[in-house]
Amino acid sequence: MKLNRSFFILLAGASLLGFAAIFVKLASAEAASEVIGFYRMLFALPVAYLLMMRSQTPGLLKEKLKVVFAGVLFSGYLYLWHIAISITTAANATFIVGMSPLWVALVNVLLGYRFHKTFYLGLCTAIGGAAILSMAKGGTISLAQGEMVALLSSFGYAGLTLLVTNGRKTLQAVETLFYVVLGSFITFCIIVMVKQSVMGPFSLQTWGSFLGLSFVIQLAAWVIITKSMTGLSSSVVSIGLLMQQVMTPLFGVIILSEFPVFLEVVGSLILVLGMVISALKR
């Protein structure tokens, strides 16, 4: 058995995603969720465009449109996740969104893809670890309105993973990133116009959080993630992205002095074990 090198690159990028919840938490005191998403994409878009100009794949309009649609799903996932957090516990919302690897695996099975039994073992182990993390933060088993919104959000995240992984078969990493950001930016523009959201003024802390979401999360983290997708199935990618749930409590200790409880540590270790098992190659 061996682990694909790309998987470790994926984990590095997904680890950076652990900062996302912290940036959102710092910005949400003043800005609505759609406004946070709008500025996140606005500041990232020109940089992503400049990166793409250095590496473009001619033609392939159909593939590029698919990735733009992945950006639409991405903004839908973010927007619904933020709504779910506001009407249920953050633990429940995060855990249900973290079930997206189940939907990705199901779609792949329906498309005729067959996994080794170690993948299913890793998938169940990883989701079990995420469940323990959720319980440690006060999560409960329920299907109220907030949980249903989070479920819809998980479908969006699964669709994003499937389309971006597929797009990477023909498009460059930075090119894929640009079209995802473009699709997401257009969607957030529509949302803020329909809702007539307040776009400012904001404090320096909130603007700093917007910039962090743009440059640390949307650019640095997702460039690493999209680069890693070469040689990985969408199902393994979806499980690797769960590393975000492991790193968020760790970064919370460093930045917010929010120390994890024992169950969070146990859940994180089980989640990492599941990710490693799922990526084992025979």
C-alpha atoms as a PDB file:
ATOM      1  CA  MET A   1       0.000   0.000   0.000  1.00  0.00           C
ATOM      2  CA  LYS A   2       1.051   3.592  -0.545  1.00  0.00           C
ATOM      3  CA  LEU A   3      -0.389   7.068  -0.250  1.00  0.00           C
ATOM      4  CA  ASN A   4      -0.584   9.302  -3.285  1.00  0.00           C
ATOM      5  CA  ARG A   5       1.694  12.360  -2.965  1.00  0.00           C
ATOM      6  CA  SER A   6      -1.143  14.521  -4.272  1.00  0.00           C
ATOM      7  CA  PHE A   7      -3.191  13.531  -1.225  1.00  0.00           C
ATOM      8  CA  PHE A   8      -0.709  15.200   1.134  1.00  0.00           C
ATOM      9  CA  ILE A   9      -0.793  18.347  -1.018  1.00  0.00           C
ATOM     10  CA  LEU A  10      -4.599  18.238  -0.760  1.00  0.00           C
ATOM     11  CA  LEU A  11      -4.373  18.019   3.039  1.00  0.00           C
ATOM     12  CA  ALA A  12      -2.058  21.040   3.109  1.00  0.00           C
ATOM     13  CA  GLY A  13      -4.551  23.125   1.135  1.00  0.00           C
ATOM     14  CA  ALA A  14      -7.509  21.859   3.150  1.00  0.00           C
ATOM     15  CA  SER A  15      -5.633  22.730   6.349  1.00  0.00           C
ATOM     16  CA  LEU A  16      -5.543  26.368   5.266  1.00  0.00           C
ATOM     17  CA  LEU A  17      -9.328  26.227   4.912  1.00  0.00           C
ATOM     18  CA  GLY A  18      -9.369  25.925   8.680  1.00  0.00           C
ATOM     19  CA  PHE A  19      -8.904  29.694   8.833  1.00  0.00           C
ATOM     20  CA  ALA A  20     -12.164  30.272   6.898  1.00  0.00           C
ATOM     21  CA  ALA A  21     -14.548  29.867   9.837  1.00  0.00           C
ATOM     22  CA  ILE A  22     -12.393  32.203  11.937  1.00  0.00           C
ATOM     23  CA  PHE A  23     -12.391  34.927   9.273  1.00  0.00           C
ATOM     24  CA  VAL A  24     -16.155  34.523   8.825  1.00  0.00           C
ATOM     25  CA  LYS A  25     -16.704  34.711  12.579  1.00  0.00           C
ATOM     26  CA  LEU A  26     -14.698  37.952  12.809  1.00  0.00           C
ATOM     27  CA  ALA A  27     -16.574  39.518   9.860  1.00  0.00           C
ATOM     28  CA  SER A  28     -20.100  38.316  10.686  1.00  0.00           C
ATOM     29  CA  ALA A  29     -20.497  40.826  13.541  1.00  0.00           C
ATOM     30  CA  GLU A  30     -20.902  43.584  10.932  1.00  0.00           C
ATOM     31  CA  ALA A  31     -21.531  41.923   7.566  1.00  0.00           C
ATOM     32  CA  ALA A  32     -24.253  39.581   6.318  1.00  0.00           C
ATOM     33  CA  SER A  33     -23.227  36.204   4.920  1.00  0.00           C
ATOM     34  CA  GLU A  34     -23.850  37.210   1.288  1.00  0.00           C
ATOM     35  CA  VAL A  35     -21.773  40.366   1.784  1.00  0.00           C
ATOM     36  CA  ILE A  36     -18.902  38.325   3.194  1.00  0.00           C
ATOM     37  CA  GLY A  37     -19.074  36.033   0.165  1.00  0.00           C
ATOM     38  CA  PHE A  38     -19.276  38.992  -2.236  1.00  0.00           C
ATOM     39  CA  TYR A  39     -16.122  40.676  -0.954  1.00  0.00           C
ATOM     40  CA  ARG A  40     -14.331  37.346  -0.681  1.00  0.00           C
ATOM     41  CA  MET A  41     -14.803  36.797  -4.424  1.00  0.00           C
ATOM     42  CA  LEU A  42     -14.427  40.467  -5.422  1.00  0.00           C
ATOM     43  CA  PHE A  43     -10.885  40.789  -4.039  1.00  0.00           C
ATOM     44  CA  ALA A  44      -9.880  37.324  -5.288  1.00  0.00           C
ATOM     45  CA  LEU A  45     -11.207  37.740  -8.852  1.00  0.00           C
ATOM     46  CA  PRO A  46      -8.571  40.125 -10.350  1.00  0.00           C
ATOM     47  CA  VAL A  47      -5.683  38.154  -8.837  1.00  0.00           C
ATOM     48  CA  ALA A  48      -7.153  34.883 -10.096  1.00  0.00           C
ATOM     49  CA  TYR A  49      -7.507  36.470 -13.550  1.00  0.00           C
ATOM     50  CA  LEU A  50      -3.867  37.592 -13.619  1.00  0.00           C
ATOM     51  CA  LEU A  51      -2.742  34.109 -12.579  1.00  0.00           C
ATOM     52  CA  MET A  52      -4.916  32.524 -15.268  1.00  0.00           C
ATOM     53  CA  MET A  53      -3.510  34.785 -18.023  1.00  0.00           C
ATOM     54  CA  ARG A  54      -0.138  33.111 -17.571  1.00  0.00           C
ATOM     55  CA  SER A  55      -1.595  29.632 -18.100  1.00  0.00           C
ATOM     56  CA  GLN A  56      -4.647  29.171 -20.299  1.00  0.00           C
ATOM     57  CA  THR A  57      -6.060  26.174 -22.138  1.00  0.00           C
ATOM     58  CA  PRO A  58      -7.418  27.261 -25.557  1.00  0.00           C
ATOM     59  CA  GLY A  59     -10.981  26.281 -26.414  1.00  0.00           C
ATOM     60  CA  LEU A  60     -12.834  23.870 -24.107  1.00  0.00           C
ATOM     61  CA  LEU A  61     -15.741  26.297 -23.636  1.00  0.00           C
ATOM     62  CA  LYS A  62     -18.019  23.512 -22.376  1.00  0.00           C
ATOM     63  CA  GLU A  63     -15.527  22.510 -19.671  1.00  0.00           C
ATOM     64  CA  LYS A  64     -15.050  26.115 -18.598  1.00  0.00           C
ATOM     65  CA  LEU A  65     -18.812  26.655 -18.326  1.00  0.00           C
ATOM     66  CA  LYS A  66     -19.037  23.574 -16.099  1.00  0.00           C
ATOM     67  CA  VAL A  67     -16.469  25.077 -13.752  1.00  0.00           C
ATOM     68  CA  VAL A  68     -18.329  28.419 -13.765  1.00  0.00           C
ATOM     69  CA  PHE A  69     -21.403  26.464 -12.661  1.00  0.00           C
ATOM     70  CA  ALA A  70     -19.244  24.894  -9.945  1.00  0.00           C
ATOM     71  CA  GLY A  71     -18.693  28.460  -8.729  1.00  0.00           C
ATOM     72  CA  VAL A  72     -22.468  28.975  -8.610  1.00  0.00           C
ATOM     73  CA  LEU A  73     -22.749  25.841  -6.451  1.00  0.00           C
ATOM     74  CA  PHE A  74     -19.873  27.090  -4.307  1.00  0.00           C
ATOM     75  CA  SER A  75     -21.632  30.359  -3.514  1.00  0.00           C
ATOM     76  CA  GLY A  76     -24.838  28.431  -2.838  1.00  0.00           C
ATOM     77  CA  TYR A  77     -22.968  26.175  -0.423  1.00  0.00           C
ATOM     78  CA  LEU A  78     -21.420  29.137   1.424  1.00  0.00           C
ATOM     79  CA  TYR A  79     -24.657  31.124   1.599  1.00  0.00           C
ATOM     80  CA  LEU A  80     -26.777  28.192   2.803  1.00  0.00           C
ATOM     81  CA  TRP A  81     -24.124  27.102   5.312  1.00  0.00           C
ATOM     82  CA  HIS A  82     -24.098  30.571   6.869  1.00  0.00           C
ATOM     83  CA  ILE A  83     -27.911  30.561   7.035  1.00  0.00           C
ATOM     84  CA  ALA A  84     -27.880  27.100   8.627  1.00  0.00           C
ATOM     85  CA  ILE A  85     -25.426  28.284  11.287  1.00  0.00           C
ATOM     86  CA  SER A  86     -27.758  31.184  12.108  1.00  0.00           C
ATOM     87  CA  ILE A  87     -30.828  28.965  12.699  1.00  0.00           C
ATOM     88  CA  THR A  88     -29.229  25.848  14.202  1.00  0.00           C
ATOM     89  CA  THR A  89     -26.002  25.063  16.030  1.00  0.00           C
ATOM     90  CA  ALA A  90     -22.724  25.626  14.198  1.00  0.00           C
ATOM     91  CA  ALA A  91     -21.779  22.052  15.142  1.00  0.00           C
ATOM     92  CA  ASN A  92     -24.849  20.543  13.468  1.00  0.00           C
ATOM     93  CA  ALA A  93     -24.494  22.696  10.350  1.00  0.00           C
ATOM     94  CA  THR A  94     -20.785  21.914   9.963  1.00  0.00           C
ATOM     95  CA  PHE A  95     -21.263  18.178  10.495  1.00  0.00           C
ATOM     96  CA  ILE A  96     -24.095  17.896   7.957  1.00  0.00           C
ATOM     97  CA  VAL A  97     -22.122  19.864   5.365  1.00  0.00           C
ATOM     98  CA  GLY A  98     -19.223  17.515   6.119  1.00  0.00           C
ATOM     99  CA  MET A  99     -21.373  14.625   4.877  1.00  0.00           C
ATOM    100  CA  SER A 100     -20.747  15.754   1.287  1.00  0.00           C
ATOM    101  CA  PRO A 101     -18.260  12.853   0.709  1.00  0.00           C
ATOM    102  CA  LEU A 102     -21.246  10.495   0.981  1.00  0.00           C
ATOM    103  CA  TRP A 103     -23.034  12.245  -1.890  1.00  0.00           C
ATOM    104  CA  VAL A 104     -19.849  12.372  -3.995  1.00  0.00           C
ATOM    105  CA  ALA A 105     -19.263   8.637  -3.471  1.00  0.00           C
ATOM    106  CA  LEU A 106     -22.922   7.884  -4.283  1.00  0.00           C
ATOM    107  CA  VAL A 107     -22.757   9.816  -7.558  1.00  0.00           C
ATOM    108  CA  ASN A 108     -19.522   8.023  -8.518  1.00  0.00           C
ATOM    109  CA  VAL A 109     -21.084   4.634  -7.774  1.00  0.00           C
ATOM    110  CA  LEU A 110     -24.132   5.533  -9.898  1.00  0.00           C
ATOM    111  CA  LEU A 111     -21.744   6.496 -12.696  1.00  0.00           C
ATOM    112  CA  GLY A 112     -20.176   3.040 -12.537  1.00  0.00           C
ATOM    113  CA  TYR A 113     -17.067   3.785 -10.459  1.00  0.00           C
ATOM    114  CA  ARG A 114     -16.080   0.999  -8.045  1.00  0.00           C
ATOM    115  CA  PHE A 115     -14.095   1.619  -4.865  1.00  0.00           C
ATOM    116  CA  HIS A 116     -11.856  -0.704  -2.910  1.00  0.00           C
ATOM    117  CA  LYS A 117     -13.265  -1.735   0.474  1.00  0.00           C
ATOM    118  CA  THR A 118     -10.564   0.330   2.225  1.00  0.00           C
ATOM    119  CA  PHE A 119     -12.175   3.464   0.811  1.00  0.00           C
ATOM    120  CA  TYR A 120     -15.531   2.660   2.399  1.00  0.00           C
ATOM    121  CA  LEU A 121     -13.784   1.892   5.689  1.00  0.00           C
ATOM    122  CA  GLY A 122     -12.011   5.252   5.527  1.00  0.00           C
ATOM    123  CA  LEU A 123     -15.209   7.078   4.566  1.00  0.00           C
ATOM    124  CA  CYS A 124     -17.144   5.671   7.521  1.00  0.00           C
ATOM    125  CA  THR A 125     -14.240   6.326   9.894  1.00  0.00           C
ATOM    126  CA  ALA A 126     -13.868   9.942   8.730  1.00  0.00           C
ATOM    127  CA  ILE A 127     -17.584  10.692   9.060  1.00  0.00           C
ATOM    128  CA  GLY A 128     -17.586   9.010  12.467  1.00  0.00           C
ATOM    129  CA  GLY A 129     -14.759  11.317  13.549  1.00  0.00           C
ATOM    130  CA  ALA A 130     -16.685  14.323  12.226  1.00  0.00           C
ATOM    131  CA  ALA A 131     -19.730  13.180  14.226  1.00  0.00           C
ATOM    132  CA  ILE A 132     -17.653  13.062  17.423  1.00  0.00           C
ATOM    133  CA  LEU A 133     -16.323  16.550  16.651  1.00  0.00           C
ATOM    134  CA  SER A 134     -19.898  17.740  16.234  1.00  0.00           C
ATOM    135  CA  MET A 135     -21.045  16.196  19.522  1.00  0.00           C
ATOM    136  CA  ALA A 136     -18.092  17.756  21.321  1.00  0.00           C
ATOM    137  CA  LYS A 137     -19.343  21.167  20.171  1.00  0.00           C
ATOM    138  CA  GLY A 138     -22.927  20.521  21.224  1.00  0.00           C
ATOM    139  CA  GLY A 139     -24.303  18.892  18.089  1.00  0.00           C
ATOM    140  CA  THR A 140     -27.503  16.825  18.281  1.00  0.00           C
ATOM    141  CA  ILE A 141     -29.326  14.397  15.997  1.00  0.00           C
ATOM    142  CA  SER A 142     -32.268  16.264  14.466  1.00  0.00           C
ATOM    143  CA  LEU A 143     -33.783  17.243  11.113  1.00  0.00           C
ATOM    144  CA  ALA A 144     -35.188  20.685  11.846  1.00  0.00           C
ATOM    145  CA  GLN A 145     -35.171  23.622   9.418  1.00  0.00           C
ATOM    146  CA  GLY A 146     -31.534  24.494  10.033  1.00  0.00           C
ATOM    147  CA  GLU A 147     -30.412  20.916   9.443  1.00  0.00           C
ATOM    148  CA  MET A 148     -32.348  20.743   6.172  1.00  0.00           C
ATOM    149  CA  VAL A 149     -30.693  23.950   4.960  1.00  0.00           C
ATOM    150  CA  ALA A 150     -27.309  22.483   5.888  1.00  0.00           C
ATOM    151  CA  LEU A 151     -28.213  19.340   3.934  1.00  0.00           C
ATOM    152  CA  LEU A 152     -28.880  21.442   0.827  1.00  0.00           C
ATOM    153  CA  SER A 153     -25.548  23.143   1.441  1.00  0.00           C
ATOM    154  CA  SER A 154     -23.799  19.755   1.521  1.00  0.00           C
ATOM    155  CA  PHE A 155     -25.288  18.932  -1.902  1.00  0.00           C
ATOM    156  CA  GLY A 156     -23.770  22.162  -3.253  1.00  0.00           C
ATOM    157  CA  TYR A 157     -20.353  21.300  -1.805  1.00  0.00           C
ATOM    158  CA  ALA A 158     -20.557  17.811  -3.300  1.00  0.00           C
ATOM    159  CA  GLY A 159     -21.445  19.246  -6.715  1.00  0.00           C
ATOM    160  CA  LEU A 160     -18.544  21.688  -6.482  1.00  0.00           C
ATOM    161  CA  THR A 161     -16.125  18.853  -5.695  1.00  0.00           C
ATOM    162  CA  LEU A 162     -17.370  16.693  -8.565  1.00  0.00           C
ATOM    163  CA  LEU A 163     -17.277  19.466 -11.183  1.00  0.00           C
ATOM    164  CA  VAL A 164     -13.919  20.935 -10.150  1.00  0.00           C
ATOM    165  CA  THR A 165     -12.232  17.520  -9.978  1.00  0.00           C
ATOM    166  CA  ASN A 166     -13.613  16.710 -13.418  1.00  0.00           C
ATOM    167  CA  GLY A 167     -12.583  20.118 -14.785  1.00  0.00           C
ATOM    168  CA  ARG A 168      -8.998  19.578 -13.645  1.00  0.00           C
ATOM    169  CA  LYS A 169      -8.689  16.738 -16.140  1.00  0.00           C
ATOM    170  CA  THR A 170      -8.516  19.293 -18.956  1.00  0.00           C
ATOM    171  CA  LEU A 171      -7.980  22.726 -17.352  1.00  0.00           C
ATOM    172  CA  GLN A 172      -5.011  24.181 -15.474  1.00  0.00           C
ATOM    173  CA  ALA A 173      -5.341  24.672 -11.703  1.00  0.00           C
ATOM    174  CA  VAL A 174      -5.292  28.493 -11.772  1.00  0.00           C
ATOM    175  CA  GLU A 175      -7.635  28.475 -14.763  1.00  0.00           C
ATOM    176  CA  THR A 176     -10.100  26.278 -12.861  1.00  0.00           C
ATOM    177  CA  LEU A 177      -9.822  28.577  -9.857  1.00  0.00           C
ATOM    178  CA  PHE A 178     -10.608  31.690 -11.915  1.00  0.00           C
ATOM    179  CA  TYR A 179     -13.804  30.272 -13.415  1.00  0.00           C
ATOM    180  CA  VAL A 180     -14.976  29.030 -10.004  1.00  0.00           C
ATOM    181  CA  VAL A 181     -14.410  32.495  -8.511  1.00  0.00           C
ATOM    182  CA  LEU A 182     -16.124  34.116 -11.512  1.00  0.00           C
ATOM    183  CA  GLY A 183     -19.243  31.946 -11.171  1.00  0.00           C
ATOM    184  CA  SER A 184     -19.367  32.509  -7.432  1.00  0.00           C
ATOM    185  CA  PHE A 185     -18.863  36.281  -7.752  1.00  0.00           C
ATOM    186  CA  ILE A 186     -21.717  36.607 -10.265  1.00  0.00           C
ATOM    187  CA  THR A 187     -24.014  34.626  -7.953  1.00  0.00           C
ATOM    188  CA  PHE A 188     -23.170  36.736  -4.899  1.00  0.00           C
ATOM    189  CA  CYS A 189     -23.729  39.909  -6.960  1.00  0.00           C
ATOM    190  CA  ILE A 190     -27.263  38.729  -7.701  1.00  0.00           C
ATOM    191  CA  ILE A 191     -27.903  37.813  -4.051  1.00  0.00           C
ATOM    192  CA  VAL A 192     -26.748  41.171  -2.629  1.00  0.00           C
ATOM    193  CA  MET A 193     -28.786  43.073  -5.240  1.00  0.00           C
ATOM    194  CA  VAL A 194     -31.948  41.070  -4.552  1.00  0.00           C
ATOM    195  CA  LYS A 195     -31.551  41.397  -0.776  1.00  0.00           C
ATOM    196  CA  GLN A 196     -30.344  45.021  -1.015  1.00  0.00           C
ATOM    197  CA  SER A 197     -27.620  44.150   1.472  1.00  0.00           C
ATOM    198  CA  VAL A 198     -25.631  46.738   3.400  1.00  0.00           C
ATOM    199  CA  MET A 199     -22.185  46.840   1.754  1.00  0.00           C
ATOM    200  CA  GLY A 200     -20.433  49.105   4.298  1.00  0.00           C
ATOM    201  CA  PRO A 201     -18.913  50.955   6.036  1.00  0.00           C
ATOM    202  CA  PHE A 202     -17.066  48.324   8.082  1.00  0.00           C
ATOM    203  CA  SER A 203     -14.278  48.293  10.654  1.00  0.00           C
ATOM    204  CA  LEU A 204     -10.659  47.492   9.810  1.00  0.00           C
ATOM    205  CA  GLN A 205     -11.101  44.068  11.422  1.00  0.00           C
ATOM    206  CA  THR A 206     -13.959  43.224   9.047  1.00  0.00           C
ATOM    207  CA  TRP A 207     -12.058  44.447   5.984  1.00  0.00           C
ATOM    208  CA  GLY A 208      -9.067  42.438   7.151  1.00  0.00           C
ATOM    209  CA  SER A 209     -11.276  39.363   7.414  1.00  0.00           C
ATOM    210  CA  PHE A 210     -12.523  39.910   3.855  1.00  0.00           C
ATOM    211  CA  LEU A 211      -8.919  40.094   2.634  1.00  0.00           C
ATOM    212  CA  GLY A 212      -8.005  36.986   4.602  1.00  0.00           C
ATOM    213  CA  LEU A 213     -10.882  35.073   3.025  1.00  0.00           C
ATOM    214  CA  SER A 214      -9.803  36.268  -0.418  1.00  0.00           C
ATOM    215  CA  PHE A 215      -6.049  35.731  -0.282  1.00  0.00           C
ATOM    216  CA  VAL A 216      -5.543  32.990   2.311  1.00  0.00           C
ATOM    217  CA  ILE A 217      -8.656  30.915   1.591  1.00  0.00           C
ATOM    218  CA  GLN A 218      -9.914  31.589  -1.925  1.00  0.00           C
ATOM    219  CA  LEU A 219      -6.506  32.028  -3.554  1.00  0.00           C
ATOM    220  CA  ALA A 220      -3.769  30.259  -1.568  1.00  0.00           C
ATOM    221  CA  ALA A 221      -5.787  27.345  -0.170  1.00  0.00           C
ATOM    222  CA  TRP A 222      -7.842  26.659  -3.288  1.00  0.00           C
ATOM    223  CA  VAL A 223      -4.866  26.945  -5.649  1.00  0.00           C
ATOM    224  CA  ILE A 224      -3.134  24.230  -3.615  1.00  0.00           C
ATOM    225  CA  ILE A 225      -6.307  22.136  -3.544  1.00  0.00           C
ATOM    226  CA  THR A 226      -6.960  22.376  -7.283  1.00  0.00           C
ATOM    227  CA  LYS A 227      -3.308  21.563  -8.051  1.00  0.00           C
ATOM    228  CA  SER A 228      -3.562  18.438  -5.895  1.00  0.00           C
ATOM    229  CA  MET A 229      -6.567  17.062  -7.772  1.00  0.00           C
ATOM    230  CA  THR A 230      -4.431  15.513 -10.507  1.00  0.00           C
ATOM    231  CA  GLY A 231      -4.406  11.781  -9.849  1.00  0.00           C
ATOM    232  CA  LEU A 232      -7.093  11.860  -7.143  1.00  0.00           C
ATOM    233  CA  SER A 233     -10.703  10.770  -7.461  1.00  0.00           C
ATOM    234  CA  SER A 234     -13.413  13.239  -6.521  1.00  0.00           C
ATOM    235  CA  SER A 235     -14.417  10.981  -3.614  1.00  0.00           C
ATOM    236  CA  VAL A 236     -10.932  11.040  -2.089  1.00  0.00           C
ATOM    237  CA  VAL A 237     -10.795  14.823  -2.636  1.00  0.00           C
ATOM    238  CA  SER A 238     -14.098  15.268  -0.807  1.00  0.00           C
ATOM    239  CA  ILE A 239     -12.799  13.316   2.193  1.00  0.00           C
ATOM    240  CA  GLY A 240      -9.478  15.181   2.192  1.00  0.00           C
ATOM    241  CA  LEU A 241     -11.371  18.480   2.358  1.00  0.00           C
ATOM    242  CA  LEU A 242     -12.671  17.404   5.778  1.00  0.00           C
ATOM    243  CA  MET A 243      -9.225  18.370   7.079  1.00  0.00           C
ATOM    244  CA  GLN A 244     -10.769  21.833   7.431  1.00  0.00           C
ATOM    245  CA  GLN A 245     -12.857  20.553  10.345  1.00  0.00           C
ATOM    246  CA  VAL A 246      -9.724  19.284  12.079  1.00  0.00           C
ATOM    247  CA  MET A 247      -7.697  22.483  11.653  1.00  0.00           C
ATOM    248  CA  THR A 248     -10.397  25.017  12.577  1.00  0.00           C
ATOM    249  CA  PRO A 249     -10.273  24.147  16.320  1.00  0.00           C
ATOM    250  CA  LEU A 250      -6.458  24.225  16.220  1.00  0.00           C
ATOM    251  CA  PHE A 251      -6.374  27.673  14.633  1.00  0.00           C
ATOM    252  CA  GLY A 252      -9.069  28.710  17.100  1.00  0.00           C
ATOM    253  CA  VAL A 253      -6.609  27.973  19.917  1.00  0.00           C
ATOM    254  CA  ILE A 254      -3.891  30.068  18.298  1.00  0.00           C
ATOM    255  CA  ILE A 255      -5.991  33.062  17.223  1.00  0.00           C
ATOM    256  CA  LEU A 256      -9.083  33.110  19.452  1.00  0.00           C
ATOM    257  CA  SER A 257      -7.744  31.224  22.504  1.00  0.00           C
ATOM    258  CA  GLU A 258     -10.643  28.765  22.168  1.00  0.00           C
ATOM    259  CA  PHE A 259      -9.231  25.542  23.593  1.00  0.00           C
ATOM    260  CA  PRO A 260     -10.731  22.231  22.389  1.00  0.00           C
ATOM    261  CA  VAL A 261     -12.274  19.693  24.757  1.00  0.00           C
ATOM    262  CA  PHE A 262     -11.141  16.070  24.939  1.00  0.00           C
ATOM    263  CA  LEU A 263     -13.825  14.809  22.526  1.00  0.00           C
ATOM    264  CA  GLU A 264     -12.698  17.320  19.887  1.00  0.00           C
ATOM    265  CA  VAL A 265      -9.175  15.905  20.031  1.00  0.00           C
ATOM    266  CA  VAL A 266     -10.482  12.324  19.777  1.00  0.00           C
ATOM    267  CA  GLY A 267     -12.806  13.222  16.897  1.00  0.00           C
ATOM    268  CA  SER A 268      -9.998  15.000  15.043  1.00  0.00           C
ATOM    269  CA  LEU A 269      -7.668  11.996  15.361  1.00  0.00           C
ATOM    270  CA  ILE A 270     -10.355   9.590  14.135  1.00  0.00           C
ATOM    271  CA  LEU A 271     -11.193  11.932  11.247  1.00  0.00           C
ATOM    272  CA  VAL A 272      -7.545  12.084  10.147  1.00  0.00           C
ATOM    273  CA  LEU A 273      -7.280   8.286  10.417  1.00  0.00           C
ATOM    274  CA  GLY A 274     -10.318   7.922   8.168  1.00  0.00           C
ATOM    275  CA  MET A 275      -8.836  10.289   5.587  1.00  0.00           C
ATOM    276  CA  VAL A 276      -5.584   8.317   5.485  1.00  0.00           C
ATOM    277  CA  ILE A 277      -7.398   4.980   5.146  1.00  0.00           C
ATOM    278  CA  SER A 278      -9.587   6.315   2.324  1.00  0.00           C
ATOM    279  CA  ALA A 279      -6.516   7.396   0.355  1.00  0.00           C
ATOM    280  CA  LEU A 280      -4.627   4.093   0.667  1.00  0.00           C
ATOM    281  CA  LYS A 281      -3.697   2.566  -2.698  1.00  0.00           C
ATOM    282  CA  ARG A 282      -3.192  -1.142  -3.350  1.00  0.00           C
END
